[in-house]
Each structure stands twice: as C-alpha cells, then as structure tokens.
mmCIF file of all heavy atoms, coordinates in Angstrom:
data_MODEL
# 
_entry.id   MODEL 
# 
loop_
_atom_site.group_PDB 
_atom_site.id 
_atom_site.type_symbol 
_atom_site.label_atom_id 
_atom_site.label_alt_id 
_atom_site.label_comp_id 
_atom_site.label_asym_id 
_atom_site.label_entity_id 
_atom_site.label_seq_id 
_atom_site.pdbx_PDB_ins_code 
_atom_site.Cartn_x 
_atom_site.Cartn_y 
_atom_site.Cartn_z 
_atom_site.occupancy 
_atom_site.B_iso_or_equiv 
_atom_site.pdbx_formal_charge 
_atom_site.auth_seq_id 
_atom_site.auth_comp_id 
_atom_site.auth_asym_id 
_atom_site.auth_atom_id 
_atom_site.pdbx_PDB_model_num 
ATOM 1   N N   . SER A 1 1  ? 12.152 -12.663 -26.723 1.00 0.00 ? 1  SER A N   1 
ATOM 2   C CA  . SER A 1 1  ? 13.373 -12.965 -27.451 1.00 0.00 ? 1  SER A CA  1 
ATOM 3   C C   . SER A 1 1  ? 14.392 -13.502 -26.462 1.00 0.00 ? 1  SER A C   1 
ATOM 4   O O   . SER A 1 1  ? 15.340 -14.130 -26.972 1.00 0.00 ? 1  SER A O   1 
ATOM 5   C CB  . SER A 1 1  ? 13.850 -11.733 -28.185 1.00 0.00 ? 1  SER A CB  1 
ATOM 6   O OG  . SER A 1 1  ? 14.258 -10.645 -27.152 1.00 0.00 ? 1  SER A OG  1 
ATOM 7   N N   . GLU A 1 2  ? 14.348 -13.215 -25.094 1.00 0.00 ? 2  GLU A N   1 
ATOM 8   C CA  . GLU A 1 2  ? 15.264 -13.732 -24.240 1.00 0.00 ? 2  GLU A CA  1 
ATOM 9   C C   . GLU A 1 2  ? 14.616 -13.951 -22.940 1.00 0.00 ? 2  GLU A C   1 
ATOM 10  O O   . GLU A 1 2  ? 13.514 -13.495 -22.671 1.00 0.00 ? 2  GLU A O   1 
ATOM 11  C CB  . GLU A 1 2  ? 16.416 -12.763 -24.033 1.00 0.00 ? 2  GLU A CB  1 
ATOM 12  C CG  . GLU A 1 2  ? 16.028 -11.532 -23.497 1.00 0.00 ? 2  GLU A CG  1 
ATOM 13  C CD  . GLU A 1 2  ? 17.209 -10.500 -23.338 1.00 0.00 ? 2  GLU A CD  1 
ATOM 14  O OE1 . GLU A 1 2  ? 17.691 -10.143 -24.347 1.00 0.00 ? 2  GLU A OE1 1 
ATOM 15  O OE2 . GLU A 1 2  ? 17.402 -10.054 -22.063 1.00 0.00 ? 2  GLU A OE2 1 
ATOM 16  N N   . ASP A 1 3  ? 15.077 -14.772 -22.035 1.00 0.00 ? 3  ASP A N   1 
ATOM 17  C CA  . ASP A 1 3  ? 14.656 -15.175 -20.796 1.00 0.00 ? 3  ASP A CA  1 
ATOM 18  C C   . ASP A 1 3  ? 15.284 -14.326 -19.789 1.00 0.00 ? 3  ASP A C   1 
ATOM 19  O O   . ASP A 1 3  ? 16.476 -14.346 -19.553 1.00 0.00 ? 3  ASP A O   1 
ATOM 20  C CB  . ASP A 1 3  ? 14.832 -16.712 -20.462 1.00 0.00 ? 3  ASP A CB  1 
ATOM 21  C CG  . ASP A 1 3  ? 14.315 -17.007 -19.058 1.00 0.00 ? 3  ASP A CG  1 
ATOM 22  O OD1 . ASP A 1 3  ? 13.411 -16.320 -18.715 1.00 0.00 ? 3  ASP A OD1 1 
ATOM 23  O OD2 . ASP A 1 3  ? 14.704 -17.961 -18.544 1.00 0.00 ? 3  ASP A OD2 1 
ATOM 24  N N   . ALA A 1 4  ? 14.582 -13.347 -19.197 1.00 0.00 ? 4  ALA A N   1 
ATOM 25  C CA  . ALA A 1 4  ? 15.011 -12.383 -18.132 1.00 0.00 ? 4  ALA A CA  1 
ATOM 26  C C   . ALA A 1 4  ? 14.432 -12.616 -16.901 1.00 0.00 ? 4  ALA A C   1 
ATOM 27  O O   . ALA A 1 4  ? 14.334 -11.667 -15.991 1.00 0.00 ? 4  ALA A O   1 
ATOM 28  C CB  . ALA A 1 4  ? 14.892 -11.010 -18.720 1.00 0.00 ? 4  ALA A CB  1 
ATOM 29  N N   . SER A 1 5  ? 13.948 -13.853 -16.602 1.00 0.00 ? 5  SER A N   1 
ATOM 30  C CA  . SER A 1 5  ? 13.286 -14.056 -15.340 1.00 0.00 ? 5  SER A CA  1 
ATOM 31  C C   . SER A 1 5  ? 14.165 -14.019 -14.244 1.00 0.00 ? 5  SER A C   1 
ATOM 32  O O   . SER A 1 5  ? 13.718 -13.909 -12.978 1.00 0.00 ? 5  SER A O   1 
ATOM 33  C CB  . SER A 1 5  ? 12.606 -15.408 -15.336 1.00 0.00 ? 5  SER A CB  1 
ATOM 34  O OG  . SER A 1 5  ? 13.557 -16.445 -15.552 1.00 0.00 ? 5  SER A OG  1 
ATOM 35  N N   . TYR A 1 6  ? 15.578 -14.160 -14.488 1.00 0.00 ? 6  TYR A N   1 
ATOM 36  C CA  . TYR A 1 6  ? 16.525 -14.116 -13.390 1.00 0.00 ? 6  TYR A CA  1 
ATOM 37  C C   . TYR A 1 6  ? 16.386 -12.745 -12.671 1.00 0.00 ? 6  TYR A C   1 
ATOM 38  O O   . TYR A 1 6  ? 16.830 -12.574 -11.570 1.00 0.00 ? 6  TYR A O   1 
ATOM 39  C CB  . TYR A 1 6  ? 17.955 -14.370 -13.869 1.00 0.00 ? 6  TYR A CB  1 
ATOM 40  C CG  . TYR A 1 6  ? 18.299 -13.482 -14.884 1.00 0.00 ? 6  TYR A CG  1 
ATOM 41  C CD1 . TYR A 1 6  ? 19.119 -12.332 -14.404 1.00 0.00 ? 6  TYR A CD1 1 
ATOM 42  C CD2 . TYR A 1 6  ? 18.209 -13.428 -16.174 1.00 0.00 ? 6  TYR A CD2 1 
ATOM 43  C CE1 . TYR A 1 6  ? 19.566 -11.282 -15.318 1.00 0.00 ? 6  TYR A CE1 1 
ATOM 44  C CE2 . TYR A 1 6  ? 18.508 -12.532 -17.079 1.00 0.00 ? 6  TYR A CE2 1 
ATOM 45  C CZ  . TYR A 1 6  ? 19.280 -11.428 -16.622 1.00 0.00 ? 6  TYR A CZ  1 
ATOM 46  O OH  . TYR A 1 6  ? 19.692 -10.458 -17.498 1.00 0.00 ? 6  TYR A OH  1 
ATOM 47  N N   . ILE A 1 7  ? 15.861 -11.807 -13.278 1.00 0.00 ? 7  ILE A N   1 
ATOM 48  C CA  . ILE A 1 7  ? 15.909 -10.385 -12.742 1.00 0.00 ? 7  ILE A CA  1 
ATOM 49  C C   . ILE A 1 7  ? 14.928 -10.384 -11.498 1.00 0.00 ? 7  ILE A C   1 
ATOM 50  O O   . ILE A 1 7  ? 15.079 -9.755  -10.599 1.00 0.00 ? 7  ILE A O   1 
ATOM 51  C CB  . ILE A 1 7  ? 15.441 -9.446  -13.799 1.00 0.00 ? 7  ILE A CB  1 
ATOM 52  C CG1 . ILE A 1 7  ? 16.459 -9.231  -14.914 1.00 0.00 ? 7  ILE A CG1 1 
ATOM 53  C CG2 . ILE A 1 7  ? 15.229 -8.024  -13.175 1.00 0.00 ? 7  ILE A CG2 1 
ATOM 54  C CD1 . ILE A 1 7  ? 16.089 -8.319  -16.056 1.00 0.00 ? 7  ILE A CD1 1 
ATOM 55  N N   . LEU A 1 8  ? 13.850 -11.189 -11.596 1.00 0.00 ? 8  LEU A N   1 
ATOM 56  C CA  . LEU A 1 8  ? 12.832 -11.279 -10.649 1.00 0.00 ? 8  LEU A CA  1 
ATOM 57  C C   . LEU A 1 8  ? 13.221 -12.231 -9.435  1.00 0.00 ? 8  LEU A C   1 
ATOM 58  O O   . LEU A 1 8  ? 12.372 -12.457 -8.609  1.00 0.00 ? 8  LEU A O   1 
ATOM 59  C CB  . LEU A 1 8  ? 11.497 -11.703 -11.203 1.00 0.00 ? 8  LEU A CB  1 
ATOM 60  C CG  . LEU A 1 8  ? 11.040 -10.790 -12.368 1.00 0.00 ? 8  LEU A CG  1 
ATOM 61  C CD1 . LEU A 1 8  ? 9.716  -11.421 -12.974 1.00 0.00 ? 8  LEU A CD1 1 
ATOM 62  C CD2 . LEU A 1 8  ? 10.751 -9.442  -11.881 1.00 0.00 ? 8  LEU A CD2 1 
ATOM 63  N N   . ASP A 1 9  ? 14.352 -12.897 -9.583  1.00 0.00 ? 9  ASP A N   1 
ATOM 64  C CA  . ASP A 1 9  ? 14.715 -13.824 -8.536  1.00 0.00 ? 9  ASP A CA  1 
ATOM 65  C C   . ASP A 1 9  ? 15.143 -13.026 -7.231  1.00 0.00 ? 9  ASP A C   1 
ATOM 66  O O   . ASP A 1 9  ? 16.175 -12.325 -7.017  1.00 0.00 ? 9  ASP A O   1 
ATOM 67  C CB  . ASP A 1 9  ? 15.985 -14.662 -8.903  1.00 0.00 ? 9  ASP A CB  1 
ATOM 68  C CG  . ASP A 1 9  ? 16.353 -15.766 -7.956  1.00 0.00 ? 9  ASP A CG  1 
ATOM 69  O OD1 . ASP A 1 9  ? 15.573 -15.990 -7.035  1.00 0.00 ? 9  ASP A OD1 1 
ATOM 70  O OD2 . ASP A 1 9  ? 17.309 -16.328 -8.165  1.00 0.00 ? 9  ASP A OD2 1 
ATOM 71  N N   . SER A 1 10 ? 14.155 -13.188 -6.168  1.00 0.00 ? 10 SER A N   1 
ATOM 72  C CA  . SER A 1 10 ? 14.249 -12.406 -4.913  1.00 0.00 ? 10 SER A CA  1 
ATOM 73  C C   . SER A 1 10 ? 15.345 -12.926 -4.083  1.00 0.00 ? 10 SER A C   1 
ATOM 74  O O   . SER A 1 10 ? 15.874 -12.236 -3.263  1.00 0.00 ? 10 SER A O   1 
ATOM 75  C CB  . SER A 1 10 ? 12.905 -12.514 -4.205  1.00 0.00 ? 10 SER A CB  1 
ATOM 76  O OG  . SER A 1 10 ? 12.622 -13.761 -3.868  1.00 0.00 ? 10 SER A OG  1 
ATOM 77  N N   . THR A 1 11 ? 15.886 -14.232 -4.272  1.00 0.00 ? 11 THR A N   1 
ATOM 78  C CA  . THR A 1 11 ? 17.030 -14.689 -3.531  1.00 0.00 ? 11 THR A CA  1 
ATOM 79  C C   . THR A 1 11 ? 18.336 -14.014 -3.836  1.00 0.00 ? 11 THR A C   1 
ATOM 80  O O   . THR A 1 11 ? 19.259 -14.086 -3.060  1.00 0.00 ? 11 THR A O   1 
ATOM 81  C CB  . THR A 1 11 ? 17.169 -16.224 -3.739  1.00 0.00 ? 11 THR A CB  1 
ATOM 82  O OG1 . THR A 1 11 ? 17.457 -16.547 -5.145  1.00 0.00 ? 11 THR A OG1 1 
ATOM 83  C CG2 . THR A 1 11 ? 15.937 -16.924 -3.284  1.00 0.00 ? 11 THR A CG2 1 
ATOM 84  N N   . LYS A 1 12 ? 18.402 -13.419 -4.962  1.00 0.00 ? 12 LYS A N   1 
ATOM 85  C CA  . LYS A 1 12 ? 19.732 -12.666 -5.463  1.00 0.00 ? 12 LYS A CA  1 
ATOM 86  C C   . LYS A 1 12 ? 19.659 -11.239 -4.987  1.00 0.00 ? 12 LYS A C   1 
ATOM 87  O O   . LYS A 1 12 ? 20.530 -10.506 -5.145  1.00 0.00 ? 12 LYS A O   1 
ATOM 88  C CB  . LYS A 1 12 ? 19.780 -12.904 -6.964  1.00 0.00 ? 12 LYS A CB  1 
ATOM 89  C CG  . LYS A 1 12 ? 20.161 -14.210 -7.338  1.00 0.00 ? 12 LYS A CG  1 
ATOM 90  C CD  . LYS A 1 12 ? 20.289 -14.329 -8.804  1.00 0.00 ? 12 LYS A CD  1 
ATOM 91  C CE  . LYS A 1 12 ? 20.593 -15.720 -9.269  1.00 0.00 ? 12 LYS A CE  1 
ATOM 92  N NZ  . LYS A 1 12 ? 20.855 -15.885 -10.592 1.00 0.00 ? 12 LYS A NZ  1 
ATOM 93  N N   . LEU A 1 13 ? 18.537 -10.826 -4.298  1.00 0.00 ? 13 LEU A N   1 
ATOM 94  C CA  . LEU A 1 13 ? 18.521 -9.379  -3.881  1.00 0.00 ? 13 LEU A CA  1 
ATOM 95  C C   . LEU A 1 13 ? 19.321 -9.268  -2.637  1.00 0.00 ? 13 LEU A C   1 
ATOM 96  O O   . LEU A 1 13 ? 19.282 -10.113 -1.809  1.00 0.00 ? 13 LEU A O   1 
ATOM 97  C CB  . LEU A 1 13 ? 17.150 -8.994  -3.672  1.00 0.00 ? 13 LEU A CB  1 
ATOM 98  C CG  . LEU A 1 13 ? 16.182 -8.889  -4.814  1.00 0.00 ? 13 LEU A CG  1 
ATOM 99  C CD1 . LEU A 1 13 ? 14.604 -8.625  -4.478  1.00 0.00 ? 13 LEU A CD1 1 
ATOM 100 C CD2 . LEU A 1 13 ? 16.615 -7.951  -5.814  1.00 0.00 ? 13 LEU A CD2 1 
ATOM 101 N N   . SER A 1 14 ? 19.924 -8.097  -2.440  1.00 0.00 ? 14 SER A N   1 
ATOM 102 C CA  . SER A 1 14 ? 20.687 -7.903  -1.263  1.00 0.00 ? 14 SER A CA  1 
ATOM 103 C C   . SER A 1 14 ? 20.222 -6.594  -0.674  1.00 0.00 ? 14 SER A C   1 
ATOM 104 O O   . SER A 1 14 ? 20.178 -5.534  -1.328  1.00 0.00 ? 14 SER A O   1 
ATOM 105 C CB  . SER A 1 14 ? 22.241 -7.911  -1.539  1.00 0.00 ? 14 SER A CB  1 
ATOM 106 O OG  . SER A 1 14 ? 22.476 -6.900  -2.305  1.00 0.00 ? 14 SER A OG  1 
ATOM 107 N N   . PHE A 1 15 ? 19.870 -6.627  0.552   1.00 0.00 ? 15 PHE A N   1 
ATOM 108 C CA  . PHE A 1 15 ? 19.429 -5.351  1.207   1.00 0.00 ? 15 PHE A CA  1 
ATOM 109 C C   . PHE A 1 15 ? 20.431 -5.045  2.355   1.00 0.00 ? 15 PHE A C   1 
ATOM 110 O O   . PHE A 1 15 ? 20.859 -5.927  3.121   1.00 0.00 ? 15 PHE A O   1 
ATOM 111 C CB  . PHE A 1 15 ? 18.006 -5.413  1.775   1.00 0.00 ? 15 PHE A CB  1 
ATOM 112 C CG  . PHE A 1 15 ? 17.010 -5.592  0.710   1.00 0.00 ? 15 PHE A CG  1 
ATOM 113 C CD1 . PHE A 1 15 ? 16.464 -6.880  0.477   1.00 0.00 ? 15 PHE A CD1 1 
ATOM 114 C CD2 . PHE A 1 15 ? 16.559 -4.553  -0.015  1.00 0.00 ? 15 PHE A CD2 1 
ATOM 115 C CE1 . PHE A 1 15 ? 15.515 -7.049  -0.479  1.00 0.00 ? 15 PHE A CE1 1 
ATOM 116 C CE2 . PHE A 1 15 ? 15.622 -4.769  -1.092  1.00 0.00 ? 15 PHE A CE2 1 
ATOM 117 C CZ  . PHE A 1 15 ? 15.106 -5.956  -1.290  1.00 0.00 ? 15 PHE A CZ  1 
ATOM 118 N N   . PRO A 1 16 ? 20.864 -3.883  2.678   1.00 0.00 ? 16 PRO A N   1 
ATOM 119 C CA  . PRO A 1 16 ? 21.801 -3.673  3.746   1.00 0.00 ? 16 PRO A CA  1 
ATOM 120 C C   . PRO A 1 16 ? 21.076 -3.750  5.102   1.00 0.00 ? 16 PRO A C   1 
ATOM 121 O O   . PRO A 1 16 ? 19.906 -3.478  5.145   1.00 0.00 ? 16 PRO A O   1 
ATOM 122 C CB  . PRO A 1 16 ? 22.100 -2.042  3.599   1.00 0.00 ? 16 PRO A CB  1 
ATOM 123 C CG  . PRO A 1 16 ? 20.989 -1.540  2.669   1.00 0.00 ? 16 PRO A CG  1 
ATOM 124 C CD  . PRO A 1 16 ? 20.533 -2.704  1.887   1.00 0.00 ? 16 PRO A CD  1 
ATOM 125 N N   . ILE A 1 17 ? 21.747 -4.390  5.965   1.00 0.00 ? 17 ILE A N   1 
ATOM 126 C CA  . ILE A 1 17 ? 21.286 -4.581  7.184   1.00 0.00 ? 17 ILE A CA  1 
ATOM 127 C C   . ILE A 1 17 ? 21.549 -3.348  8.089   1.00 0.00 ? 17 ILE A C   1 
ATOM 128 O O   . ILE A 1 17 ? 22.682 -3.001  8.328   1.00 0.00 ? 17 ILE A O   1 
ATOM 129 C CB  . ILE A 1 17 ? 21.907 -5.880  7.909   1.00 0.00 ? 17 ILE A CB  1 
ATOM 130 C CG1 . ILE A 1 17 ? 21.506 -7.097  7.060   1.00 0.00 ? 17 ILE A CG1 1 
ATOM 131 C CG2 . ILE A 1 17 ? 21.440 -6.054  9.295   1.00 0.00 ? 17 ILE A CG2 1 
ATOM 132 C CD1 . ILE A 1 17 ? 22.302 -8.339  7.437   1.00 0.00 ? 17 ILE A CD1 1 
ATOM 133 N N   . THR A 1 18 ? 20.508 -2.864  8.660   1.00 0.00 ? 18 THR A N   1 
ATOM 134 C CA  . THR A 1 18 ? 20.771 -1.678  9.586   1.00 0.00 ? 18 THR A CA  1 
ATOM 135 C C   . THR A 1 18 ? 20.608 -2.020  10.924  1.00 0.00 ? 18 THR A C   1 
ATOM 136 O O   . THR A 1 18 ? 19.769 -2.884  11.295  1.00 0.00 ? 18 THR A O   1 
ATOM 137 C CB  . THR A 1 18 ? 19.629 -0.585  9.135   1.00 0.00 ? 18 THR A CB  1 
ATOM 138 O OG1 . THR A 1 18 ? 18.325 -1.123  9.311   1.00 0.00 ? 18 THR A OG1 1 
ATOM 139 C CG2 . THR A 1 18 ? 19.753 -0.105  7.764   1.00 0.00 ? 18 THR A CG2 1 
ATOM 140 N N   . GLN A 1 19 ? 21.497 -1.489  11.782  1.00 0.00 ? 19 GLN A N   1 
ATOM 141 C CA  . GLN A 1 19 ? 21.376 -1.763  13.188  1.00 0.00 ? 19 GLN A CA  1 
ATOM 142 C C   . GLN A 1 19 ? 20.308 -0.884  13.875  1.00 0.00 ? 19 GLN A C   1 
ATOM 143 O O   . GLN A 1 19 ? 20.292 0.318   13.549  1.00 0.00 ? 19 GLN A O   1 
ATOM 144 C CB  . GLN A 1 19 ? 22.816 -1.435  13.719  1.00 0.00 ? 19 GLN A CB  1 
ATOM 145 C CG  . GLN A 1 19 ? 23.901 -2.368  13.270  1.00 0.00 ? 19 GLN A CG  1 
ATOM 146 C CD  . GLN A 1 19 ? 23.651 -3.741  13.605  1.00 0.00 ? 19 GLN A CD  1 
ATOM 147 O OE1 . GLN A 1 19 ? 23.112 -4.129  14.668  1.00 0.00 ? 19 GLN A OE1 1 
ATOM 148 N NE2 . GLN A 1 19 ? 24.200 -4.608  12.758  1.00 0.00 ? 19 GLN A NE2 1 
ATOM 149 N N   . VAL A 1 20 ? 19.461 -1.455  14.610  1.00 0.00 ? 20 VAL A N   1 
ATOM 150 C CA  . VAL A 1 20 ? 18.395 -0.750  15.187  1.00 0.00 ? 20 VAL A CA  1 
ATOM 151 C C   . VAL A 1 20 ? 18.797 -0.454  16.619  1.00 0.00 ? 20 VAL A C   1 
ATOM 152 O O   . VAL A 1 20 ? 19.171 -1.493  17.419  1.00 0.00 ? 20 VAL A O   1 
ATOM 153 C CB  . VAL A 1 20 ? 17.155 -1.493  15.162  1.00 0.00 ? 20 VAL A CB  1 
ATOM 154 C CG1 . VAL A 1 20 ? 15.949 -0.761  15.934  1.00 0.00 ? 20 VAL A CG1 1 
ATOM 155 C CG2 . VAL A 1 20 ? 16.710 -1.749  13.654  1.00 0.00 ? 20 VAL A CG2 1 
ATOM 156 N N   . ASP A 1 21 ? 18.800 0.749   17.117  1.00 0.00 ? 21 ASP A N   1 
ATOM 157 C CA  . ASP A 1 21 ? 19.121 1.027   18.460  1.00 0.00 ? 21 ASP A CA  1 
ATOM 158 C C   . ASP A 1 21 ? 17.803 0.745   19.337  1.00 0.00 ? 21 ASP A C   1 
ATOM 159 O O   . ASP A 1 21 ? 16.900 1.406   19.189  1.00 0.00 ? 21 ASP A O   1 
ATOM 160 C CB  . ASP A 1 21 ? 19.635 2.503   18.660  1.00 0.00 ? 21 ASP A CB  1 
ATOM 161 C CG  . ASP A 1 21 ? 20.101 2.830   19.938  1.00 0.00 ? 21 ASP A CG  1 
ATOM 162 O OD1 . ASP A 1 21 ? 20.333 1.867   20.731  1.00 0.00 ? 21 ASP A OD1 1 
ATOM 163 O OD2 . ASP A 1 21 ? 20.262 4.068   20.155  1.00 0.00 ? 21 ASP A OD2 1 
ATOM 164 N N   . ALA A 1 22 ? 18.114 -0.199  20.249  1.00 0.00 ? 22 ALA A N   1 
ATOM 165 C CA  . ALA A 1 22 ? 16.881 -0.558  21.116  1.00 0.00 ? 22 ALA A CA  1 
ATOM 166 C C   . ALA A 1 22 ? 16.477 0.642   21.982  1.00 0.00 ? 22 ALA A C   1 
ATOM 167 O O   . ALA A 1 22 ? 15.153 0.736   22.272  1.00 0.00 ? 22 ALA A O   1 
ATOM 168 C CB  . ALA A 1 22 ? 17.276 -1.690  22.086  1.00 0.00 ? 22 ALA A CB  1 
ATOM 169 N N   . ALA A 1 23 ? 17.201 1.477   22.348  1.00 0.00 ? 23 ALA A N   1 
ATOM 170 C CA  . ALA A 1 23 ? 16.834 2.676   23.130  1.00 0.00 ? 23 ALA A CA  1 
ATOM 171 C C   . ALA A 1 23 ? 15.910 3.597   22.353  1.00 0.00 ? 23 ALA A C   1 
ATOM 172 O O   . ALA A 1 23 ? 14.964 4.300   22.899  1.00 0.00 ? 23 ALA A O   1 
ATOM 173 C CB  . ALA A 1 23 ? 18.011 3.485   23.654  1.00 0.00 ? 23 ALA A CB  1 
ATOM 174 N N   . LYS A 1 24 ? 16.065 3.669   21.048  1.00 0.00 ? 24 LYS A N   1 
ATOM 175 C CA  . LYS A 1 24 ? 15.262 4.540   20.194  1.00 0.00 ? 24 LYS A CA  1 
ATOM 176 C C   . LYS A 1 24 ? 13.974 3.972   19.880  1.00 0.00 ? 24 LYS A C   1 
ATOM 177 O O   . LYS A 1 24 ? 12.986 4.686   19.531  1.00 0.00 ? 24 LYS A O   1 
ATOM 178 C CB  . LYS A 1 24 ? 16.044 4.877   18.908  1.00 0.00 ? 24 LYS A CB  1 
ATOM 179 C CG  . LYS A 1 24 ? 17.247 5.738   19.089  1.00 0.00 ? 24 LYS A CG  1 
ATOM 180 C CD  . LYS A 1 24 ? 17.839 6.037   17.681  1.00 0.00 ? 24 LYS A CD  1 
ATOM 181 C CE  . LYS A 1 24 ? 19.027 6.992   17.898  1.00 0.00 ? 24 LYS A CE  1 
ATOM 182 N NZ  . LYS A 1 24 ? 19.821 7.145   16.645  1.00 0.00 ? 24 LYS A NZ  1 
ATOM 183 N N   . THR A 1 25 ? 13.807 2.657   19.951  1.00 0.00 ? 25 THR A N   1 
ATOM 184 C CA  . THR A 1 25 ? 12.609 2.019   19.591  1.00 0.00 ? 25 THR A CA  1 
ATOM 185 C C   . THR A 1 25 ? 11.610 1.915   20.714  1.00 0.00 ? 25 THR A C   1 
ATOM 186 O O   . THR A 1 25 ? 10.418 1.568   20.560  1.00 0.00 ? 25 THR A O   1 
ATOM 187 C CB  . THR A 1 25 ? 12.756 0.584   19.021  1.00 0.00 ? 25 THR A CB  1 
ATOM 188 O OG1 . THR A 1 25 ? 13.506 -0.265  19.968  1.00 0.00 ? 25 THR A OG1 1 
ATOM 189 C CG2 . THR A 1 25 ? 13.658 0.695   17.714  1.00 0.00 ? 25 THR A CG2 1 
ATOM 190 N N   . GLY A 1 26 ? 12.012 2.104   21.976  1.00 0.00 ? 26 GLY A N   1 
ATOM 191 C CA  . GLY A 1 26 ? 11.163 2.041   23.101  1.00 0.00 ? 26 GLY A CA  1 
ATOM 192 C C   . GLY A 1 26 ? 10.180 3.124   23.135  1.00 0.00 ? 26 GLY A C   1 
ATOM 193 O O   . GLY A 1 26 ? 10.187 4.172   22.482  1.00 0.00 ? 26 GLY A O   1 
ATOM 194 N N   . TYR A 1 27 ? 9.093  2.934   23.883  1.00 0.00 ? 27 TYR A N   1 
ATOM 195 C CA  . TYR A 1 27 ? 8.028  3.977   24.007  1.00 0.00 ? 27 TYR A CA  1 
ATOM 196 C C   . TYR A 1 27 ? 8.556  5.157   24.790  1.00 0.00 ? 27 TYR A C   1 
ATOM 197 O O   . TYR A 1 27 ? 9.146  5.121   25.863  1.00 0.00 ? 27 TYR A O   1 
ATOM 198 C CB  . TYR A 1 27 ? 6.845  3.327   24.729  1.00 0.00 ? 27 TYR A CB  1 
ATOM 199 C CG  . TYR A 1 27 ? 5.681  4.247   25.052  1.00 0.00 ? 27 TYR A CG  1 
ATOM 200 C CD1 . TYR A 1 27 ? 4.940  4.844   23.998  1.00 0.00 ? 27 TYR A CD1 1 
ATOM 201 C CD2 . TYR A 1 27 ? 5.618  4.828   26.269  1.00 0.00 ? 27 TYR A CD2 1 
ATOM 202 C CE1 . TYR A 1 27 ? 4.025  5.755   24.275  1.00 0.00 ? 27 TYR A CE1 1 
ATOM 203 C CE2 . TYR A 1 27 ? 4.608  5.866   26.630  1.00 0.00 ? 27 TYR A CE2 1 
ATOM 204 C CZ  . TYR A 1 27 ? 3.906  6.180   25.522  1.00 0.00 ? 27 TYR A CZ  1 
ATOM 205 O OH  . TYR A 1 27 ? 2.821  7.243   25.823  1.00 0.00 ? 27 TYR A OH  1 
ATOM 206 N N   . LYS A 1 28 ? 8.230  6.283   24.231  1.00 0.00 ? 28 LYS A N   1 
ATOM 207 C CA  . LYS A 1 28 ? 8.536  7.569   24.842  1.00 0.00 ? 28 LYS A CA  1 
ATOM 208 C C   . LYS A 1 28 ? 7.306  8.404   24.868  1.00 0.00 ? 28 LYS A C   1 
ATOM 209 O O   . LYS A 1 28 ? 6.675  8.675   23.927  1.00 0.00 ? 28 LYS A O   1 
ATOM 210 C CB  . LYS A 1 28 ? 9.674  8.287   24.216  1.00 0.00 ? 28 LYS A CB  1 
ATOM 211 C CG  . LYS A 1 28 ? 10.956 7.471   24.185  1.00 0.00 ? 28 LYS A CG  1 
ATOM 212 C CD  . LYS A 1 28 ? 12.139 8.257   23.674  1.00 0.00 ? 28 LYS A CD  1 
ATOM 213 C CE  . LYS A 1 28 ? 13.343 7.361   23.763  1.00 0.00 ? 28 LYS A CE  1 
ATOM 214 N NZ  . LYS A 1 28 ? 14.453 8.018   23.267  1.00 0.00 ? 28 LYS A NZ  1 
# 
C-alpha cells in the first residue's frame, strides 16, 4: 500500500565513530 524502500537505504544510516586506542589493539 506504500513504498517504504527508503527504510532500507544504507546511505542514510549513521553509526557512531569510535576512537580506537592503538596501544590497546597491539599484541600483548
């Protein structure tokens, strides 16, 4: 009855950018 394909538009999704600490990602 309606076009809701805009819901699936992945370009409109927003994800928070998390800062990755390089010291934590190194091998220990």
